[in-house]
C-alpha atoms as a PDB file:
ATOM      1  CA  MET A   1       0.000   0.000   0.000  1.00  0.00           C
ATOM      2  CA  ALA A   2       2.832   2.396   0.825  1.00  0.00           C
ATOM      3  CA  GLY A   3       4.271   1.877  -2.666  1.00  0.00           C
ATOM      4  CA  ILE A   4       0.989   2.998  -4.254  1.00  0.00           C
ATOM      5  CA  GLU A   5       0.834   6.064  -2.020  1.00  0.00           C
ATOM      6  CA  ASP A   6       4.484   6.847  -2.760  1.00  0.00           C
ATOM      7  CA  SER A   7       3.899   6.600  -6.513  1.00  0.00           C
ATOM      8  CA  ARG A   8       0.821   8.841  -6.257  1.00  0.00           C
ATOM      9  CA  THR A   9       2.784  11.355  -4.223  1.00  0.00           C
ATOM     10  CA  LEU A  10       5.624  11.260  -6.715  1.00  0.00           C
ATOM     11  CA  ALA A  11       3.185  11.710  -9.607  1.00  0.00           C
ATOM     12  CA  MET A  12       1.675  14.709  -7.824  1.00  0.00           C
ATOM     13  CA  VAL A  13       5.114  16.225  -7.238  1.00  0.00           C
ATOM     14  CA  HIS A  14       5.986  15.816 -10.916  1.00  0.00           C
ATOM     15  CA  GLY A  15       2.625  17.288 -11.955  1.00  0.00           C
ATOM     16  CA  LEU A  16       3.113  20.302  -9.690  1.00  0.00           C
ATOM     17  CA  ARG A  17       6.633  20.807 -10.995  1.00  0.00           C
ATOM     18  CA  GLU A  18       5.311  20.742 -14.573  1.00  0.00           C
ATOM     19  CA  LEU A  19       2.643  23.298 -13.627  1.00  0.00           C
ATOM     20  CA  VAL A  20       5.218  25.630 -12.059  1.00  0.00           C
ATOM     21  CA  VAL A  21       7.419  25.417 -15.164  1.00  0.00           C
ATOM     22  CA  GLN A  22       4.451  26.189 -17.443  1.00  0.00           C
ATOM     23  CA  LEU A  23       3.323  29.120 -15.276  1.00  0.00           C
ATOM     24  CA  ASN A  24       6.857  30.544 -15.269  1.00  0.00           C
ATOM     25  CA  LEU A  25       7.010  30.263 -19.048  1.00  0.00           C
ATOM     26  CA  PHE A  26       3.627  31.957 -19.342  1.00  0.00           C
ATOM     27  CA  GLY A  27       4.745  34.761 -17.006  1.00  0.00           C
ATOM     28  CA  SER A  28       7.970  35.236 -18.958  1.00  0.00           C
ATOM     29  CA  GLU A  29       6.055  35.417 -22.233  1.00  0.00           C
ATOM     30  CA  PHE A  30       3.607  37.934 -20.744  1.00  0.00           C
ATOM     31  CA  ALA A  31       6.507  40.081 -19.531  1.00  0.00           C
ATOM     32  CA  ARG A  32       8.307  39.913 -22.881  1.00  0.00           C
ATOM     33  CA  THR A  33       5.144  40.744 -24.831  1.00  0.00           C
ATOM     34  CA  HIS A  34       4.537  43.838 -22.708  1.00  0.00           C
ATOM     35  CA  GLY A  35       8.158  44.985 -22.515  1.00  0.00           C
ATOM     36  CA  LEU A  36       8.463  44.149 -18.827  1.00  0.00           C
ATOM     37  CA  HIS A  37      10.989  42.342 -16.673  1.00  0.00           C
ATOM     38  CA  ALA A  38       9.779  39.325 -14.679  1.00  0.00           C
ATOM     39  CA  THR A  39      10.175  41.350 -11.470  1.00  0.00           C
ATOM     40  CA  ASP A  40       7.906  44.045 -12.922  1.00  0.00           C
ATOM     41  CA  VAL A  41       5.202  41.422 -13.427  1.00  0.00           C
ATOM     42  CA  ARG A  42       5.615  40.219  -9.841  1.00  0.00           C
ATOM     43  CA  ALA A  43       5.331  43.829  -8.611  1.00  0.00           C
ATOM     44  CA  LEU A  44       2.233  44.374 -10.738  1.00  0.00           C
ATOM     45  CA  ILE A  45       0.633  41.247  -9.267  1.00  0.00           C
ATOM     46  CA  ALA A  46       1.477  42.429  -5.735  1.00  0.00           C
ATOM     47  CA  LEU A  47      -0.113  45.829  -6.434  1.00  0.00           C
ATOM     48  CA  LEU A  48      -3.218  44.250  -7.959  1.00  0.00           C
ATOM     49  CA  ASP A  49      -3.550  41.915  -4.966  1.00  0.00           C
ATOM     50  CA  ALA A  50      -3.194  44.860  -2.576  1.00  0.00           C
ATOM     51  CA  ALA A  51      -5.895  46.785  -4.443  1.00  0.00           C
ATOM     52  CA  ARG A  52      -8.186  43.745  -4.426  1.00  0.00           C
ATOM     53  CA  THR A  53      -7.859  43.284  -0.664  1.00  0.00           C
ATOM     54  CA  GLY A  54      -7.808  46.982   0.206  1.00  0.00           C
ATOM     55  CA  ALA A  55      -4.285  46.790   1.641  1.00  0.00           C
ATOM     56  CA  PRO A  56      -2.114  49.897   1.267  1.00  0.00           C
ATOM     57  CA  ALA A  57       0.397  49.583  -1.570  1.00  0.00           C
ATOM     58  CA  THR A  58       3.597  50.671   0.132  1.00  0.00           C
ATOM     59  CA  PRO A  59       7.283  50.238  -0.633  1.00  0.00           C
ATOM     60  CA  GLY A  60       7.416  47.873   2.351  1.00  0.00           C
ATOM     61  CA  LEU A  61       4.689  45.696   0.851  1.00  0.00           C
ATOM     62  CA  LEU A  62       6.546  45.488  -2.444  1.00  0.00           C
ATOM     63  CA  GLY A  63       9.790  44.747  -0.653  1.00  0.00           C
ATOM     64  CA  ARG A  64       8.220  41.862   1.256  1.00  0.00           C
ATOM     65  CA  GLN A  65       6.496  40.485  -1.837  1.00  0.00           C
ATOM     66  CA  LEU A  66       9.521  40.743  -4.091  1.00  0.00           C
ATOM     67  CA  GLY A  67      12.084  39.622  -1.536  1.00  0.00           C
END
């Protein structure tokens, strides 16, 4: 039984990894199409999320979001 669970877990890990790769490629293509850097897209997402939740968009927020 553990072997089946391990193989399902491994399949899920591989599926998630594939999803992350595809999302990164999509984000890179979006940035390139709009003349942005990948960090600009991340900042834009952080600002949109702040606006959606009503949080103040501050330099500190962007610093925390962008690392």
